[in-house]
């Protein structure tokens, strides 16, 4: 009976360690898409009266002039389309 209990304890300890390591690895891993989405927009202060929010993924930007709450969406100035 003592040998069976010792074998069960060792197997249980091994499975617990493996399962614990797996949980830790899952909590430390993250999706790369989340990081890209987090750094997608950039706030640019052009001067005292003009601000822009730039979308790095599409190249579009929103422009606010004279510190008002109206933001105008603009299309990219250049296009990276290949012919």
PDB file of N, CA and C in Angstrom:
ATOM      1  N   UNK A   1       0.824  -1.193   0.000  1.00  0.00           N
ATOM      2  CA  UNK A   1       0.000   0.000   0.000  1.00  0.00           C
ATOM      3  C   UNK A   1       0.863   1.251   0.000  1.00  0.00           C
ATOM      4  N   UNK A   2       1.975   1.199   0.707  1.00  0.00           N
ATOM      5  CA  UNK A   2       2.860   2.351   0.801  1.00  0.00           C
ATOM      6  C   UNK A   2       3.493   2.665  -0.557  1.00  0.00           C
ATOM      7  N   UNK A   3       3.866   1.617  -1.341  1.00  0.00           N
ATOM      8  CA  UNK A   3       4.455   1.851  -2.662  1.00  0.00           C
ATOM      9  C   UNK A   3       3.429   2.454  -3.621  1.00  0.00           C
ATOM     10  N   UNK A   4       2.193   2.008  -3.545  1.00  0.00           N
ATOM     11  CA  UNK A   4       1.156   2.557  -4.416  1.00  0.00           C
ATOM     12  C   UNK A   4       0.882   4.033  -4.096  1.00  0.00           C
ATOM     13  N   UNK A   5       0.884   4.358  -2.823  1.00  0.00           N
ATOM     14  CA  UNK A   5       0.661   5.741  -2.422  1.00  0.00           C
ATOM     15  C   UNK A   5       1.823   6.630  -2.866  1.00  0.00           C
ATOM     16  N   UNK A   6       3.047   6.119  -2.770  1.00  0.00           N
ATOM     17  CA  UNK A   6       4.230   6.870  -3.193  1.00  0.00           C
ATOM     18  C   UNK A   6       4.198   7.095  -4.712  1.00  0.00           C
ATOM     19  N   UNK A   7       3.843   6.079  -5.484  1.00  0.00           N
ATOM     20  CA  UNK A   7       3.774   6.216  -6.940  1.00  0.00           C
ATOM     21  C   UNK A   7       2.679   7.208  -7.334  1.00  0.00           C
ATOM     22  N   UNK A   8       1.521   7.118  -6.698  1.00  0.00           N
ATOM     23  CA  UNK A   8       0.432   8.051  -6.975  1.00  0.00           C
ATOM     24  C   UNK A   8       0.847   9.483  -6.642  1.00  0.00           C
ATOM     25  N   UNK A   9       1.561   9.679  -5.546  1.00  0.00           N
ATOM     26  CA  UNK A   9       2.003  11.014  -5.136  1.00  0.00           C
ATOM     27  C   UNK A   9       2.979  11.603  -6.149  1.00  0.00           C
ATOM     28  N   UNK A  10       3.895  10.777  -6.644  1.00  0.00           N
ATOM     29  CA  UNK A  10       4.880  11.255  -7.626  1.00  0.00           C
ATOM     30  C   UNK A  10       4.191  11.611  -8.942  1.00  0.00           C
ATOM     31  N   UNK A  11       3.267  10.786  -9.394  1.00  0.00           N
ATOM     32  CA  UNK A  11       2.533  11.076 -10.632  1.00  0.00           C
ATOM     33  C   UNK A  11       1.696  12.336 -10.467  1.00  0.00           C
ATOM     34  N   UNK A  12       1.029  12.486  -9.334  1.00  0.00           N
ATOM     35  CA  UNK A  12       0.223  13.674  -9.073  1.00  0.00           C
ATOM     36  C   UNK A  12       1.092  14.935  -9.049  1.00  0.00           C
ATOM     37  N   UNK A  13       2.257  14.851  -8.421  1.00  0.00           N
ATOM     38  CA  UNK A  13       3.172  15.993  -8.372  1.00  0.00           C
ATOM     39  C   UNK A  13       3.661  16.351  -9.777  1.00  0.00           C
ATOM     40  N   UNK A  14       4.007  15.357 -10.567  1.00  0.00           N
ATOM     41  CA  UNK A  14       4.468  15.613 -11.943  1.00  0.00           C
ATOM     42  C   UNK A  14       3.399  16.264 -12.790  1.00  0.00           C
ATOM     43  N   UNK A  15       2.176  15.751 -12.713  1.00  0.00           N
ATOM     44  CA  UNK A  15       1.077  16.344 -13.472  1.00  0.00           C
ATOM     45  C   UNK A  15       0.771  17.766 -13.004  1.00  0.00           C
ATOM     46  N   UNK A  16       0.876  18.012 -11.719  1.00  0.00           N
ATOM     47  CA  UNK A  16       0.636  19.359 -11.182  1.00  0.00           C
ATOM     48  C   UNK A  16       1.679  20.344 -11.694  1.00  0.00           C
ATOM     49  N   UNK A  17       2.937  19.902 -11.733  1.00  0.00           N
ATOM     50  CA  UNK A  17       4.005  20.785 -12.231  1.00  0.00           C
ATOM     51  C   UNK A  17       3.806  21.079 -13.712  1.00  0.00           C
ATOM     52  N   UNK A  18       3.490  20.057 -14.497  1.00  0.00           N
ATOM     53  CA  UNK A  18       3.275  20.260 -15.934  1.00  0.00           C
ATOM     54  C   UNK A  18       2.077  21.165 -16.186  1.00  0.00           C
ATOM     55  N   UNK A  19       0.992  20.931 -15.476  1.00  0.00           N
ATOM     56  CA  UNK A  19      -0.194  21.755 -15.635  1.00  0.00           C
ATOM     57  C   UNK A  19       0.071  23.201 -15.197  1.00  0.00           C
ATOM     58  N   UNK A  20       0.809  23.394 -14.122  1.00  0.00           N
ATOM     59  CA  UNK A  20       1.148  24.737 -13.656  1.00  0.00           C
ATOM     60  C   UNK A  20       2.010  25.486 -14.660  1.00  0.00           C
ATOM     61  N   UNK A  21       2.982  24.792 -15.243  1.00  0.00           N
ATOM     62  CA  UNK A  21       3.831  25.422 -16.264  1.00  0.00           C
ATOM     63  C   UNK A  21       3.025  25.811 -17.491  1.00  0.00           C
ATOM     64  N   UNK A  22       2.071  24.951 -17.871  1.00  0.00           N
ATOM     65  CA  UNK A  22       1.237  25.259 -19.027  1.00  0.00           C
ATOM     66  C   UNK A  22       0.387  26.497 -18.763  1.00  0.00           C
ATOM     67  N   UNK A  23      -0.207  26.609 -17.566  1.00  0.00           N
ATOM     68  CA  UNK A  23      -1.012  27.787 -17.223  1.00  0.00           C
ATOM     69  C   UNK A  23      -0.167  29.058 -17.238  1.00  0.00           C
ATOM     70  N   UNK A  24       1.044  28.983 -16.731  1.00  0.00           N
ATOM     71  CA  UNK A  24       1.924  30.156 -16.723  1.00  0.00           C
ATOM     72  C   UNK A  24       2.292  30.557 -18.141  1.00  0.00           C
ATOM     73  N   UNK A  25       2.601  29.589 -18.995  1.00  0.00           N
ATOM     74  CA  UNK A  25       2.960  29.916 -20.375  1.00  0.00           C
ATOM     75  C   UNK A  25       1.781  30.532 -21.126  1.00  0.00           C
ATOM     76  N   UNK A  26       0.564  30.080 -20.844  1.00  0.00           N
ATOM     77  CA  UNK A  26      -0.611  30.653 -21.489  1.00  0.00           C
ATOM     78  C   UNK A  26      -0.877  32.081 -21.017  1.00  0.00           C
ATOM     79  N   UNK A  27      -0.601  32.359 -19.774  1.00  0.00           N
ATOM     80  CA  UNK A  27      -0.836  33.718 -19.264  1.00  0.00           C
ATOM     81  C   UNK A  27       0.226  34.693 -19.757  1.00  0.00           C
ATOM     82  N   UNK A  28       1.427  34.201 -20.049  1.00  0.00           N
ATOM     83  CA  UNK A  28       2.493  35.085 -20.516  1.00  0.00           C
ATOM     84  C   UNK A  28       2.427  35.339 -22.015  1.00  0.00           C
ATOM     85  N   UNK A  29       1.809  34.442 -22.747  1.00  0.00           N
ATOM     86  CA  UNK A  29       1.723  34.633 -24.197  1.00  0.00           C
ATOM     87  C   UNK A  29       0.627  35.641 -24.508  1.00  0.00           C
ATOM     88  N   UNK A  30       0.844  36.415 -25.566  1.00  0.00           N
ATOM     89  CA  UNK A  30      -0.155  37.386 -25.997  1.00  0.00           C
ATOM     90  C   UNK A  30      -0.152  37.420 -27.510  1.00  0.00           C
ATOM     91  N   UNK A  31      -1.236  37.917 -28.061  1.00  0.00           N
ATOM     92  CA  UNK A  31      -1.370  37.967 -29.511  1.00  0.00           C
ATOM     93  C   UNK A  31      -0.645  39.191 -30.049  1.00  0.00           C
ATOM     94  N   UNK A  32       0.036  39.009 -31.144  1.00  0.00           N
ATOM     95  CA  UNK A  32       0.750  40.109 -31.772  1.00  0.00           C
ATOM     96  C   UNK A  32      -0.237  41.116 -32.365  1.00  0.00           C
ATOM     97  N   UNK A  33      -1.420  40.665 -32.765  1.00  0.00           N
ATOM     98  CA  UNK A  33      -2.427  41.566 -33.322  1.00  0.00           C
ATOM     99  C   UNK A  33      -2.862  42.614 -32.316  1.00  0.00           C
ATOM    100  N   UNK A  34      -2.909  42.254 -31.037  1.00  0.00           N
ATOM    101  CA  UNK A  34      -3.295  43.210 -30.013  1.00  0.00           C
ATOM    102  C   UNK A  34      -2.293  44.349 -29.918  1.00  0.00           C
ATOM    103  N   UNK A  35      -1.018  44.037 -30.068  1.00  0.00           N
ATOM    104  CA  UNK A  35       0.021  45.066 -29.987  1.00  0.00           C
ATOM    105  C   UNK A  35      -0.059  45.977 -31.192  1.00  0.00           C
ATOM    106  N   UNK A  36      -0.276  45.410 -32.371  1.00  0.00           N
ATOM    107  CA  UNK A  36      -0.396  46.222 -33.581  1.00  0.00           C
ATOM    108  C   UNK A  36      -1.605  47.135 -33.478  1.00  0.00           C
ATOM    109  N   UNK A  37      -2.723  46.612 -33.002  1.00  0.00           N
ATOM    110  CA  UNK A  37      -3.935  47.403 -32.868  1.00  0.00           C
ATOM    111  C   UNK A  37      -3.747  48.512 -31.835  1.00  0.00           C
ATOM    112  N   UNK A  38      -2.966  48.260 -30.816  1.00  0.00           N
ATOM    113  CA  UNK A  38      -2.740  49.250 -29.768  1.00  0.00           C
ATOM    114  C   UNK A  38      -1.913  50.421 -30.303  1.00  0.00           C
ATOM    115  N   UNK A  39      -0.980  50.186 -31.203  1.00  0.00           N
ATOM    116  CA  UNK A  39      -0.107  51.231 -31.731  1.00  0.00           C
ATOM    117  C   UNK A  39      -0.535  51.690 -33.115  1.00  0.00           C
ATOM    118  N   UNK A  40      -1.807  51.544 -33.422  1.00  0.00           N
ATOM    119  CA  UNK A  40      -2.289  51.860 -34.765  1.00  0.00           C
ATOM    120  C   UNK A  40      -2.397  53.365 -35.000  1.00  0.00           C
ATOM    121  N   UNK A  41      -2.801  54.130 -34.009  1.00  0.00           N
ATOM    122  CA  UNK A  41      -3.050  55.559 -34.173  1.00  0.00           C
ATOM    123  C   UNK A  41      -1.955  56.392 -33.508  1.00  0.00           C
ATOM    124  N   UNK A  42      -1.678  57.531 -34.114  1.00  0.00           N
ATOM    125  CA  UNK A  42      -0.669  58.436 -33.558  1.00  0.00           C
ATOM    126  C   UNK A  42      -1.252  59.844 -33.524  1.00  0.00           C
ATOM    127  N   UNK A  43      -1.151  60.486 -32.369  1.00  0.00           N
ATOM    128  CA  UNK A  43      -1.627  61.856 -32.204  1.00  0.00           C
ATOM    129  C   UNK A  43      -0.473  62.796 -32.505  1.00  0.00           C
ATOM    130  N   UNK A  44      -0.674  63.705 -33.475  1.00  0.00           N
ATOM    131  CA  UNK A  44       0.395  64.615 -33.920  1.00  0.00           C
ATOM    132  C   UNK A  44      -0.066  66.044 -33.697  1.00  0.00           C
ATOM    133  N   UNK A  45       0.747  66.814 -33.001  1.00  0.00           N
ATOM    134  CA  UNK A  45       0.478  68.237 -32.802  1.00  0.00           C
ATOM    135  C   UNK A  45       1.289  68.988 -33.856  1.00  0.00           C
ATOM    136  N   UNK A  46       0.592  69.579 -34.820  1.00  0.00           N
ATOM    137  CA  UNK A  46       1.274  70.279 -35.909  1.00  0.00           C
ATOM    138  C   UNK A  46       1.764  71.654 -35.443  1.00  0.00           C
ATOM    139  N   UNK A  47       0.883  72.413 -34.828  1.00  0.00           N
ATOM    140  CA  UNK A  47       1.215  73.706 -34.224  1.00  0.00           C
ATOM    141  C   UNK A  47       0.158  74.005 -33.176  1.00  0.00           C
ATOM    142  N   UNK A  48       0.082  75.229 -32.685  1.00  0.00           N
ATOM    143  CA  UNK A  48      -0.871  75.559 -31.623  1.00  0.00           C
ATOM    144  C   UNK A  48      -2.327  75.419 -32.057  1.00  0.00           C
ATOM    145  N   UNK A  49      -2.598  75.578 -33.346  1.00  0.00           N
ATOM    146  CA  UNK A  49      -3.980  75.580 -33.826  1.00  0.00           C
ATOM    147  C   UNK A  49      -4.375  74.323 -34.595  1.00  0.00           C
ATOM    148  N   UNK A  50      -3.461  73.425 -34.848  1.00  0.00           N
ATOM    149  CA  UNK A  50      -3.765  72.283 -35.702  1.00  0.00           C
ATOM    150  C   UNK A  50      -3.263  70.981 -35.080  1.00  0.00           C
ATOM    151  N   UNK A  51      -4.161  70.009 -34.978  1.00  0.00           N
ATOM    152  CA  UNK A  51      -3.827  68.680 -34.461  1.00  0.00           C
ATOM    153  C   UNK A  51      -4.277  67.635 -35.473  1.00  0.00           C
ATOM    154  N   UNK A  52      -3.582  66.499 -35.486  1.00  0.00           N
ATOM    155  CA  UNK A  52      -3.949  65.402 -36.378  1.00  0.00           C
ATOM    156  C   UNK A  52      -3.861  64.075 -35.634  1.00  0.00           C
ATOM    157  N   UNK A  53      -4.758  63.183 -36.007  1.00  0.00           N
ATOM    158  CA  UNK A  53      -4.682  61.791 -35.563  1.00  0.00           C
ATOM    159  C   UNK A  53      -4.430  60.968 -36.810  1.00  0.00           C
ATOM    160  N   UNK A  54      -3.309  60.266 -36.837  1.00  0.00           N
ATOM    161  CA  UNK A  54      -2.881  59.523 -38.016  1.00  0.00           C
ATOM    162  C   UNK A  54      -3.108  58.035 -37.810  1.00  0.00           C
ATOM    163  N   UNK A  55      -3.746  57.393 -38.776  1.00  0.00           N
ATOM    164  CA  UNK A  55      -3.963  55.944 -38.767  1.00  0.00           C
ATOM    165  C   UNK A  55      -2.815  55.299 -39.539  1.00  0.00           C
ATOM    166  N   UNK A  56      -1.929  54.599 -38.841  1.00  0.00           N
ATOM    167  CA  UNK A  56      -0.752  54.015 -39.463  1.00  0.00           C
ATOM    168  C   UNK A  56      -1.092  52.873 -40.410  1.00  0.00           C
ATOM    169  N   UNK A  57      -2.225  52.235 -40.202  1.00  0.00           N
ATOM    170  CA  UNK A  57      -2.582  51.082 -41.026  1.00  0.00           C
ATOM    171  C   UNK A  57      -3.128  51.505 -42.393  1.00  0.00           C
ATOM    172  N   UNK A  58      -3.985  52.498 -42.427  1.00  0.00           N
ATOM    173  CA  UNK A  58      -4.609  52.899 -43.688  1.00  0.00           C
ATOM    174  C   UNK A  58      -3.992  54.160 -44.290  1.00  0.00           C
ATOM    175  N   UNK A  59      -3.293  54.947 -43.492  1.00  0.00           N
ATOM    176  CA  UNK A  59      -2.718  56.187 -43.979  1.00  0.00           C
ATOM    177  C   UNK A  59      -3.676  57.364 -43.888  1.00  0.00           C
ATOM    178  N   UNK A  60      -4.899  57.135 -43.455  1.00  0.00           N
ATOM    179  CA  UNK A  60      -5.859  58.223 -43.305  1.00  0.00           C
ATOM    180  C   UNK A  60      -5.541  59.012 -42.042  1.00  0.00           C
ATOM    181  N   UNK A  61      -6.025  60.256 -42.020  1.00  0.00           N
ATOM    182  CA  UNK A  61      -5.835  61.057 -40.815  1.00  0.00           C
ATOM    183  C   UNK A  61      -7.033  61.960 -40.605  1.00  0.00           C
ATOM    184  N   UNK A  62      -7.211  62.367 -39.355  1.00  0.00           N
ATOM    185  CA  UNK A  62      -8.270  63.273 -38.962  1.00  0.00           C
ATOM    186  C   UNK A  62      -7.607  64.562 -38.511  1.00  0.00           C
ATOM    187  N   UNK A  63      -8.164  65.678 -38.946  1.00  0.00           N
ATOM    188  CA  UNK A  63      -7.545  66.978 -38.695  1.00  0.00           C
ATOM    189  C   UNK A  63      -8.510  67.875 -37.934  1.00  0.00           C
ATOM    190  N   UNK A  64      -7.986  68.528 -36.906  1.00  0.00           N
ATOM    191  CA  UNK A  64      -8.755  69.501 -36.146  1.00  0.00           C
ATOM    192  C   UNK A  64      -8.007  70.826 -36.179  1.00  0.00           C
ATOM    193  N   UNK A  65      -8.703  71.870 -36.570  1.00  0.00           N
ATOM    194  CA  UNK A  65      -8.078  73.193 -36.678  1.00  0.00           C
ATOM    195  C   UNK A  65      -8.701  74.126 -35.647  1.00  0.00           C
ATOM    196  N   UNK A  66      -7.894  74.960 -35.024  1.00  0.00           N
ATOM    197  CA  UNK A  66      -8.294  75.996 -34.070  1.00  0.00           C
ATOM    198  C   UNK A  66      -8.917  75.409 -32.808  1.00  0.00           C
ATOM    199  N   UNK A  67      -8.409  74.272 -32.356  1.00  0.00           N
ATOM    200  CA  UNK A  67      -8.796  73.657 -31.077  1.00  0.00           C
ATOM    201  C   UNK A  67     -10.306  73.468 -30.908  1.00  0.00           C
ATOM    202  N   UNK A  68     -11.008  73.145 -31.978  1.00  0.00           N
ATOM    203  CA  UNK A  68     -12.438  72.861 -31.836  1.00  0.00           C
ATOM    204  C   UNK A  68     -12.635  71.350 -31.793  1.00  0.00           C
ATOM    205  N   UNK A  69     -13.875  70.945 -31.555  1.00  0.00           N
ATOM    206  CA  UNK A  69     -14.181  69.521 -31.441  1.00  0.00           C
ATOM    207  C   UNK A  69     -14.558  68.895 -32.772  1.00  0.00           C
ATOM    208  N   UNK A  70     -14.464  69.626 -33.867  1.00  0.00           N
ATOM    209  CA  UNK A  70     -14.799  69.093 -35.180  1.00  0.00           C
ATOM    210  C   UNK A  70     -13.552  68.490 -35.820  1.00  0.00           C
ATOM    211  N   UNK A  71     -13.625  67.204 -36.115  1.00  0.00           N
ATOM    212  CA  UNK A  71     -12.517  66.498 -36.746  1.00  0.00           C
ATOM    213  C   UNK A  71     -12.913  66.155 -38.172  1.00  0.00           C
ATOM    214  N   UNK A  72     -12.100  66.567 -39.144  1.00  0.00           N
ATOM    215  CA  UNK A  72     -12.343  66.275 -40.555  1.00  0.00           C
ATOM    216  C   UNK A  72     -11.452  65.118 -40.982  1.00  0.00           C
ATOM    217  N   UNK A  73     -12.076  64.091 -41.599  1.00  0.00           N
ATOM    218  CA  UNK A  73     -11.324  62.933 -42.062  1.00  0.00           C
ATOM    219  C   UNK A  73     -10.726  63.244 -43.424  1.00  0.00           C
ATOM    220  N   UNK A  74      -9.446  62.956 -43.575  1.00  0.00           N
ATOM    221  CA  UNK A  74      -8.723  63.214 -44.809  1.00  0.00           C
ATOM    222  C   UNK A  74      -8.170  61.900 -45.350  1.00  0.00           C
ATOM    223  N   UNK A  75      -8.041  61.834 -46.639  1.00  0.00           N
ATOM    224  CA  UNK A  75      -7.436  60.652 -47.267  1.00  0.00           C
ATOM    225  C   UNK A  75      -5.920  60.837 -47.322  1.00  0.00           C
ATOM    226  N   UNK A  76      -5.181  59.763 -47.520  1.00  0.00           N
ATOM    227  CA  UNK A  76      -3.724  59.883 -47.544  1.00  0.00           C
ATOM    228  C   UNK A  76      -3.248  60.804 -48.671  1.00  0.00           C
ATOM    229  N   UNK A  77      -2.181  61.500 -48.401  1.00  0.00           N
ATOM    230  CA  UNK A  77      -1.613  62.396 -49.401  1.00  0.00           C
ATOM    231  C   UNK A  77      -0.928  61.611 -50.516  1.00  0.00           C
ATOM    232  N   UNK A  78      -0.289  60.529 -50.175  1.00  0.00           N
ATOM    233  CA  UNK A  78       0.362  59.681 -51.173  1.00  0.00           C
ATOM    234  C   UNK A  78      -0.225  58.282 -51.074  1.00  0.00           C
ATOM    235  N   UNK A  79      -0.123  57.550 -52.131  1.00  0.00           N
ATOM    236  CA  UNK A  79      -0.641  56.193 -52.135  1.00  0.00           C
ATOM    237  C   UNK A  79       0.487  55.234 -52.467  1.00  0.00           C
ATOM    238  N   UNK A  80       0.494  54.095 -51.808  1.00  0.00           N
ATOM    239  CA  UNK A  80       1.536  53.089 -52.008  1.00  0.00           C
ATOM    240  C   UNK A  80       1.048  51.952 -52.903  1.00  0.00           C
ATOM    241  N   UNK A  81       0.173  52.263 -53.850  1.00  0.00           N
ATOM    242  CA  UNK A  81      -0.342  51.246 -54.745  1.00  0.00           C
ATOM    243  C   UNK A  81       0.681  50.963 -55.833  1.00  0.00           C
ATOM    244  N   UNK A  82       0.931  49.687 -56.087  1.00  0.00           N
ATOM    245  CA  UNK A  82       1.877  49.319 -57.126  1.00  0.00           C
ATOM    246  C   UNK A  82       1.109  48.971 -58.388  1.00  0.00           C
ATOM    247  N   UNK A  83       1.616  49.424 -59.515  1.00  0.00           N
ATOM    248  CA  UNK A  83       0.945  49.179 -60.800  1.00  0.00           C
ATOM    249  C   UNK A  83       1.530  47.988 -61.481  1.00  0.00           C
TER     250      UNK A  83
END
